[in-house]
Amino acid sequence: MPWVASSQLDCLSSSPSQRECERTAFSFYCAVRERLPVWLLEDMRTMEVFCWEDGHPRAFLPSEALLYALVHDRQDYARYLLNRYSVSALKAPRCSFCCCRSTGAPHLNVAVRYNRVAILGMMVEALKDCGMKNQRREYLDSCGGCSHVADAGKTAVQLAVELSHPECLLLLLVQGARPDGLDAALQRLVSCDVSERRHAQRCLDFLLLFLPEPPLLRRLQDESQRWQSLLGNEVFSWLCGLAPPPLLLQALRCLARSGPDQISTLPNFLQPHSWQ
């Protein structure tokens, strides 16, 4: 499928029953892509679509259907699955290529990879049903899953920084995800194309809003003039441990934690980049 590594295509099915399962799964994938009604998709999933597991066919899981909904931005189908099955729709499905039980949060990574901001918002709302705050945060900070799956070993926050998807990043940070990736955000800022620099800058700004304290980064000290011109004197001095955070940054921190919409609706002169 689109979120797995291309090397997996080398795995060919030998059993007629297994090939039939793959045929029905592909038919379901096409049905989601063709935007068939939700009720029809659910009829297909529960009665016509099968996966091959442990030598036997089984019904297609809601968590697997949610991955298809993410790829094709089927917000109506994703909303149904999350409302009907809640956090069980976010469980990592079993990997069909190595037959192991996947771990981590593949749905979060797929949402970030395809920049599905609306569905990601539904997913983080569903996570509130987890009960304990620590469990929710652990899920938000988990990595993508099996080693041969695309984006494996990366958290959703790290992936959002790498791809310069600021809206996804802010959603995750507001929900309590760990603000990792400052070094990657700085590297992205200087290496990306001019057309992507605005998004890279916003990712850096959002990370700064949620950092409890800046880590010591050698790259800032090694190229102080370069980074001072990019970040501004106040931010550069704070990241180097030479000064407290800028006053506007401190003020915006409280606002950012109250919800992602609070920051995005601010006038331009109060946006995070204006503290530089």
C-alpha atoms as a PDB file:
ATOM      1  CA  MET A   1       0.000   0.000   0.000  1.00  0.00           C
ATOM      2  CA  PRO A   2       1.149   3.651  -0.416  1.00  0.00           C
ATOM      3  CA  TRP A   3       2.528   3.972   3.121  1.00  0.00           C
ATOM      4  CA  VAL A   4       4.796   0.917   2.934  1.00  0.00           C
ATOM      5  CA  ALA A   5       8.271   0.617   1.493  1.00  0.00           C
ATOM      6  CA  SER A   6       8.543  -0.357  -2.170  1.00  0.00           C
ATOM      7  CA  SER A   7      10.753  -3.337  -1.307  1.00  0.00           C
ATOM      8  CA  GLN A   8       7.690  -5.048   0.130  1.00  0.00           C
ATOM      9  CA  LEU A   9       6.339  -5.518  -3.375  1.00  0.00           C
ATOM     10  CA  ASP A  10       8.817  -8.345  -3.765  1.00  0.00           C
ATOM     11  CA  CYS A  11       6.654 -10.482  -1.456  1.00  0.00           C
ATOM     12  CA  LEU A  12       4.340 -12.511  -3.694  1.00  0.00           C
ATOM     13  CA  SER A  13       1.415 -14.606  -2.541  1.00  0.00           C
ATOM     14  CA  SER A  14       1.351 -18.296  -3.367  1.00  0.00           C
ATOM     15  CA  SER A  15      -2.008 -19.489  -2.044  1.00  0.00           C
ATOM     16  CA  PRO A  16      -5.186 -18.971  -4.144  1.00  0.00           C
ATOM     17  CA  SER A  17      -7.035 -18.052  -0.949  1.00  0.00           C
ATOM     18  CA  GLN A  18      -4.388 -15.501  -0.062  1.00  0.00           C
ATOM     19  CA  ARG A  19      -4.538 -14.007  -3.542  1.00  0.00           C
ATOM     20  CA  GLU A  20      -8.305 -13.754  -3.231  1.00  0.00           C
ATOM     21  CA  CYS A  21      -7.889 -11.875   0.052  1.00  0.00           C
ATOM     22  CA  GLU A  22      -5.515  -9.466  -1.639  1.00  0.00           C
ATOM     23  CA  ARG A  23      -8.009  -8.985  -4.480  1.00  0.00           C
ATOM     24  CA  THR A  24     -10.823  -8.078  -2.093  1.00  0.00           C
ATOM     25  CA  ALA A  25      -8.541  -5.760  -0.110  1.00  0.00           C
ATOM     26  CA  PHE A  26      -7.525  -3.955  -3.299  1.00  0.00           C
ATOM     27  CA  SER A  27     -11.180  -3.680  -4.331  1.00  0.00           C
ATOM     28  CA  PHE A  28     -11.917  -2.069  -0.987  1.00  0.00           C
ATOM     29  CA  TYR A  29      -8.972   0.301  -1.432  1.00  0.00           C
ATOM     30  CA  CYS A  30     -10.385   1.341  -4.821  1.00  0.00           C
ATOM     31  CA  ALA A  31     -13.873   1.774  -3.343  1.00  0.00           C
ATOM     32  CA  VAL A  32     -12.517   4.187  -0.729  1.00  0.00           C
ATOM     33  CA  ARG A  33     -10.574   6.015  -3.418  1.00  0.00           C
ATOM     34  CA  GLU A  34     -13.677   6.296  -5.622  1.00  0.00           C
ATOM     35  CA  ARG A  35     -15.531   7.880  -2.684  1.00  0.00           C
ATOM     36  CA  LEU A  36     -18.354   5.364  -2.425  1.00  0.00           C
ATOM     37  CA  PRO A  37     -20.875   6.061   0.372  1.00  0.00           C
ATOM     38  CA  VAL A  38     -19.833   5.246   3.924  1.00  0.00           C
ATOM     39  CA  TRP A  39     -22.626   2.706   4.442  1.00  0.00           C
ATOM     40  CA  LEU A  40     -21.511   0.811   1.337  1.00  0.00           C
ATOM     41  CA  LEU A  41     -17.875   0.848   2.433  1.00  0.00           C
ATOM     42  CA  GLU A  42     -18.862  -0.585   5.807  1.00  0.00           C
ATOM     43  CA  ASP A  43     -20.922  -3.318   4.147  1.00  0.00           C
ATOM     44  CA  MET A  44     -17.907  -4.218   2.028  1.00  0.00           C
ATOM     45  CA  ARG A  45     -15.535  -4.152   4.998  1.00  0.00           C
ATOM     46  CA  THR A  46     -17.649  -6.398   7.216  1.00  0.00           C
ATOM     47  CA  MET A  47     -18.953  -8.849   4.614  1.00  0.00           C
ATOM     48  CA  GLU A  48     -16.791  -8.855   1.478  1.00  0.00           C
ATOM     49  CA  VAL A  49     -13.238  -7.785   2.320  1.00  0.00           C
ATOM     50  CA  PHE A  50     -10.723 -10.146   3.878  1.00  0.00           C
ATOM     51  CA  CYS A  51      -7.100 -10.134   4.983  1.00  0.00           C
ATOM     52  CA  TRP A  52      -4.803 -13.147   5.236  1.00  0.00           C
ATOM     53  CA  GLU A  53      -3.501 -13.810   8.735  1.00  0.00           C
ATOM     54  CA  ASP A  54      -1.921 -16.935  10.264  1.00  0.00           C
ATOM     55  CA  GLY A  55      -2.966 -19.040   7.296  1.00  0.00           C
ATOM     56  CA  HIS A  56      -6.626 -17.991   7.400  1.00  0.00           C
ATOM     57  CA  PRO A  57      -8.752 -15.159   6.013  1.00  0.00           C
ATOM     58  CA  ARG A  58     -10.197 -12.661   8.452  1.00  0.00           C
ATOM     59  CA  ALA A  59     -12.417  -9.612   8.243  1.00  0.00           C
ATOM     60  CA  PHE A  60     -10.896  -6.225   7.494  1.00  0.00           C
ATOM     61  CA  LEU A  61     -10.384  -4.237  10.716  1.00  0.00           C
ATOM     62  CA  PRO A  62     -11.589  -0.663  11.354  1.00  0.00           C
ATOM     63  CA  SER A  63      -7.959   0.355  11.954  1.00  0.00           C
ATOM     64  CA  GLU A  64      -7.029  -0.898   8.485  1.00  0.00           C
ATOM     65  CA  ALA A  65      -9.988   0.907   6.931  1.00  0.00           C
ATOM     66  CA  LEU A  66      -8.892   4.113   8.667  1.00  0.00           C
ATOM     67  CA  LEU A  67      -5.518   3.909   6.917  1.00  0.00           C
ATOM     68  CA  TYR A  68      -7.311   3.842   3.561  1.00  0.00           C
ATOM     69  CA  ALA A  69      -9.486   6.769   4.628  1.00  0.00           C
ATOM     70  CA  LEU A  70      -6.347   8.725   5.525  1.00  0.00           C
ATOM     71  CA  VAL A  71      -4.629   8.073   2.204  1.00  0.00           C
ATOM     72  CA  HIS A  72      -7.655   9.261   0.213  1.00  0.00           C
ATOM     73  CA  ASP A  73      -8.742  12.011   2.630  1.00  0.00           C
ATOM     74  CA  ARG A  74     -12.136  10.413   3.214  1.00  0.00           C
ATOM     75  CA  GLN A  75     -13.089  12.627   6.129  1.00  0.00           C
ATOM     76  CA  ASP A  76     -16.652  11.282   6.305  1.00  0.00           C
ATOM     77  CA  TYR A  77     -15.480   7.683   6.537  1.00  0.00           C
ATOM     78  CA  ALA A  78     -12.745   8.529   9.049  1.00  0.00           C
ATOM     79  CA  ARG A  79     -15.298  10.365  11.206  1.00  0.00           C
ATOM     80  CA  TYR A  80     -17.611   7.349  11.145  1.00  0.00           C
ATOM     81  CA  LEU A  81     -14.854   4.914  12.101  1.00  0.00           C
ATOM     82  CA  LEU A  82     -13.588   7.085  14.948  1.00  0.00           C
ATOM     83  CA  ASN A  83     -17.078   7.794  16.274  1.00  0.00           C
ATOM     84  CA  ARG A  84     -18.120   4.154  16.031  1.00  0.00           C
ATOM     85  CA  TYR A  85     -14.920   2.449  17.234  1.00  0.00           C
ATOM     86  CA  SER A  86     -13.141   5.258  19.103  1.00  0.00           C
ATOM     87  CA  VAL A  87      -9.503   4.494  19.994  1.00  0.00           C
ATOM     88  CA  SER A  88      -9.762   0.893  18.770  1.00  0.00           C
ATOM     89  CA  ALA A  89      -9.712   2.342  15.242  1.00  0.00           C
ATOM     90  CA  LEU A  90      -6.245   3.708  16.054  1.00  0.00           C
ATOM     91  CA  LYS A  91      -4.684   0.387  17.040  1.00  0.00           C
ATOM     92  CA  ALA A  92      -1.698  -0.594  14.945  1.00  0.00           C
ATOM     93  CA  PRO A  93      -2.809  -3.353  12.531  1.00  0.00           C
ATOM     94  CA  ARG A  94      -0.787  -6.493  12.079  1.00  0.00           C
ATOM     95  CA  CYS A  95       1.910  -6.222   9.443  1.00  0.00           C
ATOM     96  CA  SER A  96       0.984  -8.446   6.512  1.00  0.00           C
ATOM     97  CA  PHE A  97       4.586  -8.623   5.280  1.00  0.00           C
ATOM     98  CA  CYS A  98       6.395  -9.911   8.336  1.00  0.00           C
ATOM     99  CA  CYS A  99       3.361 -11.253  10.249  1.00  0.00           C
ATOM    100  CA  CYS A 100       4.311  -9.371  13.402  1.00  0.00           C
ATOM    101  CA  ARG A 101       2.027  -7.246  15.500  1.00  0.00           C
ATOM    102  CA  SER A 102       2.835  -3.682  14.610  1.00  0.00           C
ATOM    103  CA  THR A 103       3.478  -1.225  17.392  1.00  0.00           C
ATOM    104  CA  GLY A 104       3.510   2.521  17.607  1.00  0.00           C
ATOM    105  CA  ALA A 105       1.172   4.955  15.924  1.00  0.00           C
ATOM    106  CA  PRO A 106       1.110   4.336  12.168  1.00  0.00           C
ATOM    107  CA  HIS A 107      -2.148   6.273  11.768  1.00  0.00           C
ATOM    108  CA  LEU A 108      -0.571   9.441  13.146  1.00  0.00           C
ATOM    109  CA  ASN A 109       2.398   9.113  10.807  1.00  0.00           C
ATOM    110  CA  VAL A 110       0.211   8.455   7.765  1.00  0.00           C
ATOM    111  CA  ALA A 111      -1.922  11.483   8.650  1.00  0.00           C
ATOM    112  CA  VAL A 112       1.203  13.652   8.839  1.00  0.00           C
ATOM    113  CA  ARG A 113       2.773  12.123   5.725  1.00  0.00           C
ATOM    114  CA  TYR A 114      -0.326  12.978   3.637  1.00  0.00           C
ATOM    115  CA  ASN A 115      -0.950  16.237   5.541  1.00  0.00           C
ATOM    116  CA  ARG A 116      -4.504  15.210   6.506  1.00  0.00           C
ATOM    117  CA  VAL A 117      -5.032  17.970   9.043  1.00  0.00           C
ATOM    118  CA  ALA A 118      -8.800  17.492   9.408  1.00  0.00           C
ATOM    119  CA  ILE A 119      -8.581  13.741  10.045  1.00  0.00           C
ATOM    120  CA  LEU A 120      -5.604  14.207  12.350  1.00  0.00           C
ATOM    121  CA  GLY A 121      -7.776  16.559  14.386  1.00  0.00           C
ATOM    122  CA  MET A 122     -10.457  13.853  14.652  1.00  0.00           C
ATOM    123  CA  MET A 123      -7.847  11.333  15.724  1.00  0.00           C
ATOM    124  CA  VAL A 124      -6.363  13.435  18.505  1.00  0.00           C
ATOM    125  CA  GLU A 125      -9.899  14.139  19.745  1.00  0.00           C
ATOM    126  CA  ALA A 126     -10.563  10.394  19.831  1.00  0.00           C
ATOM    127  CA  LEU A 127      -7.395   9.932  21.860  1.00  0.00           C
ATOM    128  CA  LYS A 128      -9.096  11.753  24.723  1.00  0.00           C
ATOM    129  CA  ASP A 129     -11.044   8.505  25.220  1.00  0.00           C
ATOM    130  CA  CYS A 130      -7.787   6.832  26.251  1.00  0.00           C
ATOM    131  CA  GLY A 131      -8.564   7.807  29.816  1.00  0.00           C
ATOM    132  CA  MET A 132      -5.174   8.429  31.364  1.00  0.00           C
ATOM    133  CA  LYS A 133      -3.244  11.444  30.117  1.00  0.00           C
ATOM    134  CA  ASN A 134       0.049   9.529  30.233  1.00  0.00           C
ATOM    135  CA  GLN A 135      -1.297   6.843  27.886  1.00  0.00           C
ATOM    136  CA  ARG A 136      -2.393   9.471  25.401  1.00  0.00           C
ATOM    137  CA  ARG A 137       0.990  11.168  25.503  1.00  0.00           C
ATOM    138  CA  GLU A 138       2.779   7.844  25.110  1.00  0.00           C
ATOM    139  CA  TYR A 139       0.755   7.154  21.972  1.00  0.00           C
ATOM    140  CA  LEU A 140       1.496  10.612  20.566  1.00  0.00           C
ATOM    141  CA  ASP A 141       5.219  10.103  21.129  1.00  0.00           C
ATOM    142  CA  SER A 142       5.435   6.572  19.730  1.00  0.00           C
ATOM    143  CA  CYS A 143       7.098   5.765  16.417  1.00  0.00           C
ATOM    144  CA  GLY A 144       5.645   4.592  13.149  1.00  0.00           C
ATOM    145  CA  GLY A 145       5.822   0.807  13.431  1.00  0.00           C
ATOM    146  CA  CYS A 146       7.552  -2.067  11.631  1.00  0.00           C
ATOM    147  CA  SER A 147      11.100  -1.550  10.364  1.00  0.00           C
ATOM    148  CA  HIS A 148      10.110  -2.020   6.710  1.00  0.00           C
ATOM    149  CA  VAL A 149       7.231   0.458   6.854  1.00  0.00           C
ATOM    150  CA  ALA A 150       7.818   3.944   5.485  1.00  0.00           C
ATOM    151  CA  ASP A 151       8.645   6.456   8.260  1.00  0.00           C
ATOM    152  CA  ALA A 152       9.436   3.691  10.760  1.00  0.00           C
ATOM    153  CA  GLY A 153      11.348   4.882  13.796  1.00  0.00           C
ATOM    154  CA  LYS A 154      10.032   8.435  13.552  1.00  0.00           C
ATOM    155  CA  THR A 155       7.446  10.067  15.757  1.00  0.00           C
ATOM    156  CA  ALA A 156       4.641  12.047  14.182  1.00  0.00           C
ATOM    157  CA  VAL A 157       6.233  15.258  15.474  1.00  0.00           C
ATOM    158  CA  GLN A 158       9.593  14.416  13.908  1.00  0.00           C
ATOM    159  CA  LEU A 159       7.893  13.597  10.621  1.00  0.00           C
ATOM    160  CA  ALA A 160       5.899  16.845  10.651  1.00  0.00           C
ATOM    161  CA  VAL A 161       9.155  18.779  11.119  1.00  0.00           C
ATOM    162  CA  GLU A 162      10.905  16.810   8.379  1.00  0.00           C
ATOM    163  CA  LEU A 163       8.057  17.419   5.897  1.00  0.00           C
ATOM    164  CA  SER A 164       7.360  21.008   7.015  1.00  0.00           C
ATOM    165  CA  HIS A 165       3.703  20.416   7.893  1.00  0.00           C
ATOM    166  CA  PRO A 166       3.106  23.110  10.533  1.00  0.00           C
ATOM    167  CA  GLU A 167      -0.652  22.559  10.973  1.00  0.00           C
ATOM    168  CA  CYS A 168      -0.117  18.893  11.800  1.00  0.00           C
ATOM    169  CA  LEU A 169       2.752  19.790  14.106  1.00  0.00           C
ATOM    170  CA  LEU A 170       0.720  22.320  16.071  1.00  0.00           C
ATOM    171  CA  LEU A 171      -2.158  19.870  16.525  1.00  0.00           C
ATOM    172  CA  LEU A 172       0.199  17.274  17.979  1.00  0.00           C
ATOM    173  CA  LEU A 173       2.008  19.702  20.254  1.00  0.00           C
ATOM    174  CA  VAL A 174      -1.219  21.151  21.656  1.00  0.00           C
ATOM    175  CA  GLN A 175      -2.306  17.626  22.607  1.00  0.00           C
ATOM    176  CA  GLY A 176       0.885  17.076  24.590  1.00  0.00           C
ATOM    177  CA  ALA A 177       3.264  15.438  22.096  1.00  0.00           C
ATOM    178  CA  ARG A 178       6.939  15.860  22.980  1.00  0.00           C
ATOM    179  CA  PRO A 179       8.475  18.830  21.075  1.00  0.00           C
ATOM    180  CA  ASP A 180      11.390  16.872  19.614  1.00  0.00           C
ATOM    181  CA  GLY A 181      13.241  17.839  16.483  1.00  0.00           C
ATOM    182  CA  LEU A 182      14.611  21.338  17.077  1.00  0.00           C
ATOM    183  CA  ASP A 183      17.929  20.459  15.456  1.00  0.00           C
ATOM    184  CA  ALA A 184      16.090  18.944  12.467  1.00  0.00           C
ATOM    185  CA  ALA A 185      13.877  22.035  12.222  1.00  0.00           C
ATOM    186  CA  LEU A 186      16.927  24.304  12.084  1.00  0.00           C
ATOM    187  CA  GLN A 187      18.541  22.122   9.442  1.00  0.00           C
ATOM    188  CA  ARG A 188      15.319  22.081   7.449  1.00  0.00           C
ATOM    189  CA  LEU A 189      15.121  25.862   7.573  1.00  0.00           C
ATOM    190  CA  VAL A 190      18.491  26.291   5.853  1.00  0.00           C
ATOM    191  CA  SER A 191      18.232  23.352   3.433  1.00  0.00           C
ATOM    192  CA  CYS A 192      14.681  23.609   2.059  1.00  0.00           C
ATOM    193  CA  ASP A 193      13.632  25.358  -1.130  1.00  0.00           C
ATOM    194  CA  VAL A 194      12.561  28.981  -0.960  1.00  0.00           C
ATOM    195  CA  SER A 195       8.965  27.923  -1.658  1.00  0.00           C
ATOM    196  CA  GLU A 196       8.951  25.738   1.481  1.00  0.00           C
ATOM    197  CA  ARG A 197      10.779  28.124   3.793  1.00  0.00           C
ATOM    198  CA  ARG A 198       7.639  29.709   5.211  1.00  0.00           C
ATOM    199  CA  HIS A 199       6.304  26.323   6.354  1.00  0.00           C
ATOM    200  CA  ALA A 200       9.709  25.338   7.727  1.00  0.00           C
ATOM    201  CA  GLN A 201       9.851  28.614   9.654  1.00  0.00           C
ATOM    202  CA  ARG A 202       6.403  27.994  11.163  1.00  0.00           C
ATOM    203  CA  CYS A 203       7.439  24.508  12.268  1.00  0.00           C
ATOM    204  CA  LEU A 204      10.445  25.985  14.030  1.00  0.00           C
ATOM    205  CA  ASP A 205       8.261  28.673  15.625  1.00  0.00           C
ATOM    206  CA  PHE A 206       5.792  26.103  16.980  1.00  0.00           C
ATOM    207  CA  LEU A 207       8.546  23.964  18.446  1.00  0.00           C
ATOM    208  CA  LEU A 208       9.951  27.001  20.230  1.00  0.00           C
ATOM    209  CA  LEU A 209       6.538  27.722  21.737  1.00  0.00           C
ATOM    210  CA  PHE A 210       6.412  24.301  23.369  1.00  0.00           C
ATOM    211  CA  LEU A 211      10.051  23.810  24.382  1.00  0.00           C
ATOM    212  CA  PRO A 212      10.377  23.845  28.178  1.00  0.00           C
ATOM    213  CA  GLU A 213      13.991  24.919  27.743  1.00  0.00           C
ATOM    214  CA  PRO A 214      16.269  24.969  24.695  1.00  0.00           C
ATOM    215  CA  PRO A 215      18.774  22.126  24.271  1.00  0.00           C
ATOM    216  CA  LEU A 216      22.403  22.982  23.740  1.00  0.00           C
ATOM    217  CA  LEU A 217      23.026  22.860  19.997  1.00  0.00           C
ATOM    218  CA  ARG A 218      26.600  22.881  18.758  1.00  0.00           C
ATOM    219  CA  ARG A 219      25.619  24.131  15.303  1.00  0.00           C
ATOM    220  CA  LEU A 220      24.487  27.487  16.747  1.00  0.00           C
ATOM    221  CA  GLN A 221      27.823  28.126  18.417  1.00  0.00           C
ATOM    222  CA  ASP A 222      29.875  26.957  15.435  1.00  0.00           C
ATOM    223  CA  GLU A 223      28.103  29.326  13.018  1.00  0.00           C
ATOM    224  CA  SER A 224      26.908  32.056  15.330  1.00  0.00           C
ATOM    225  CA  GLN A 225      26.717  34.875  12.763  1.00  0.00           C
ATOM    226  CA  ARG A 226      24.716  32.796  10.316  1.00  0.00           C
ATOM    227  CA  TRP A 227      22.171  31.652  12.891  1.00  0.00           C
ATOM    228  CA  GLN A 228      21.916  35.048  14.513  1.00  0.00           C
ATOM    229  CA  SER A 229      20.862  36.549  11.185  1.00  0.00           C
ATOM    230  CA  LEU A 230      18.333  33.757  10.574  1.00  0.00           C
ATOM    231  CA  LEU A 231      16.809  33.583  14.042  1.00  0.00           C
ATOM    232  CA  GLY A 232      17.155  37.146  15.262  1.00  0.00           C
ATOM    233  CA  ASN A 233      19.157  38.325  18.259  1.00  0.00           C
ATOM    234  CA  GLU A 234      16.614  37.472  20.966  1.00  0.00           C
ATOM    235  CA  VAL A 235      15.834  33.920  19.835  1.00  0.00           C
ATOM    236  CA  PHE A 236      19.480  33.188  19.093  1.00  0.00           C
ATOM    237  CA  SER A 237      20.571  34.413  22.535  1.00  0.00           C
ATOM    238  CA  TRP A 238      17.854  32.336  24.222  1.00  0.00           C
ATOM    239  CA  LEU A 239      18.779  29.146  22.336  1.00  0.00           C
ATOM    240  CA  CYS A 240      22.417  29.677  23.279  1.00  0.00           C
ATOM    241  CA  GLY A 241      21.496  30.095  26.946  1.00  0.00           C
ATOM    242  CA  LEU A 242      22.623  33.733  27.031  1.00  0.00           C
ATOM    243  CA  ALA A 243      19.240  35.380  27.661  1.00  0.00           C
ATOM    244  CA  PRO A 244      15.666  34.587  28.735  1.00  0.00           C
ATOM    245  CA  PRO A 245      13.098  33.828  26.024  1.00  0.00           C
ATOM    246  CA  PRO A 246      11.634  36.840  24.189  1.00  0.00           C
ATOM    247  CA  LEU A 247       8.624  38.420  25.904  1.00  0.00           C
ATOM    248  CA  LEU A 248       6.317  37.788  22.949  1.00  0.00           C
ATOM    249  CA  LEU A 249       7.300  34.116  22.906  1.00  0.00           C
ATOM    250  CA  GLN A 250       6.480  33.820  26.602  1.00  0.00           C
ATOM    251  CA  ALA A 251       3.098  35.453  26.050  1.00  0.00           C
ATOM    252  CA  LEU A 252       2.237  33.254  23.081  1.00  0.00           C
ATOM    253  CA  ARG A 253       3.087  30.053  24.971  1.00  0.00           C
ATOM    254  CA  CYS A 254      -0.026  30.275  27.130  1.00  0.00           C
ATOM    255  CA  LEU A 255      -2.160  31.044  24.085  1.00  0.00           C
ATOM    256  CA  ALA A 256      -0.713  28.157  22.061  1.00  0.00           C
ATOM    257  CA  ARG A 257      -1.489  25.612  24.766  1.00  0.00           C
ATOM    258  CA  SER A 258      -5.169  26.565  24.746  1.00  0.00           C
ATOM    259  CA  GLY A 259      -5.710  25.263  21.201  1.00  0.00           C
ATOM    260  CA  PRO A 260      -4.285  25.397  17.660  1.00  0.00           C
ATOM    261  CA  ASP A 261      -6.884  27.890  16.434  1.00  0.00           C
ATOM    262  CA  GLN A 262      -5.742  30.502  18.932  1.00  0.00           C
ATOM    263  CA  ILE A 263      -2.397  30.973  17.188  1.00  0.00           C
ATOM    264  CA  SER A 264      -3.505  30.735  13.564  1.00  0.00           C
ATOM    265  CA  THR A 265      -6.163  33.453  13.980  1.00  0.00           C
ATOM    266  CA  LEU A 266      -3.757  36.046  15.370  1.00  0.00           C
ATOM    267  CA  PRO A 267      -2.969  39.059  13.163  1.00  0.00           C
ATOM    268  CA  ASN A 268       0.311  38.870  11.299  1.00  0.00           C
ATOM    269  CA  PHE A 269       2.198  41.244  13.620  1.00  0.00           C
ATOM    270  CA  LEU A 270       1.474  38.872  16.540  1.00  0.00           C
ATOM    271  CA  GLN A 271       2.383  35.649  14.740  1.00  0.00           C
ATOM    272  CA  PRO A 272       5.368  33.760  16.228  1.00  0.00           C
ATOM    273  CA  HIS A 273       7.774  34.887  13.503  1.00  0.00           C
ATOM    274  CA  SER A 274       7.300  38.495  14.601  1.00  0.00           C
ATOM    275  CA  TRP A 275       9.395  37.983  17.764  1.00  0.00           C
ATOM    276  CA  GLN A 276      12.433  37.815  15.535  1.00  0.00           C
END
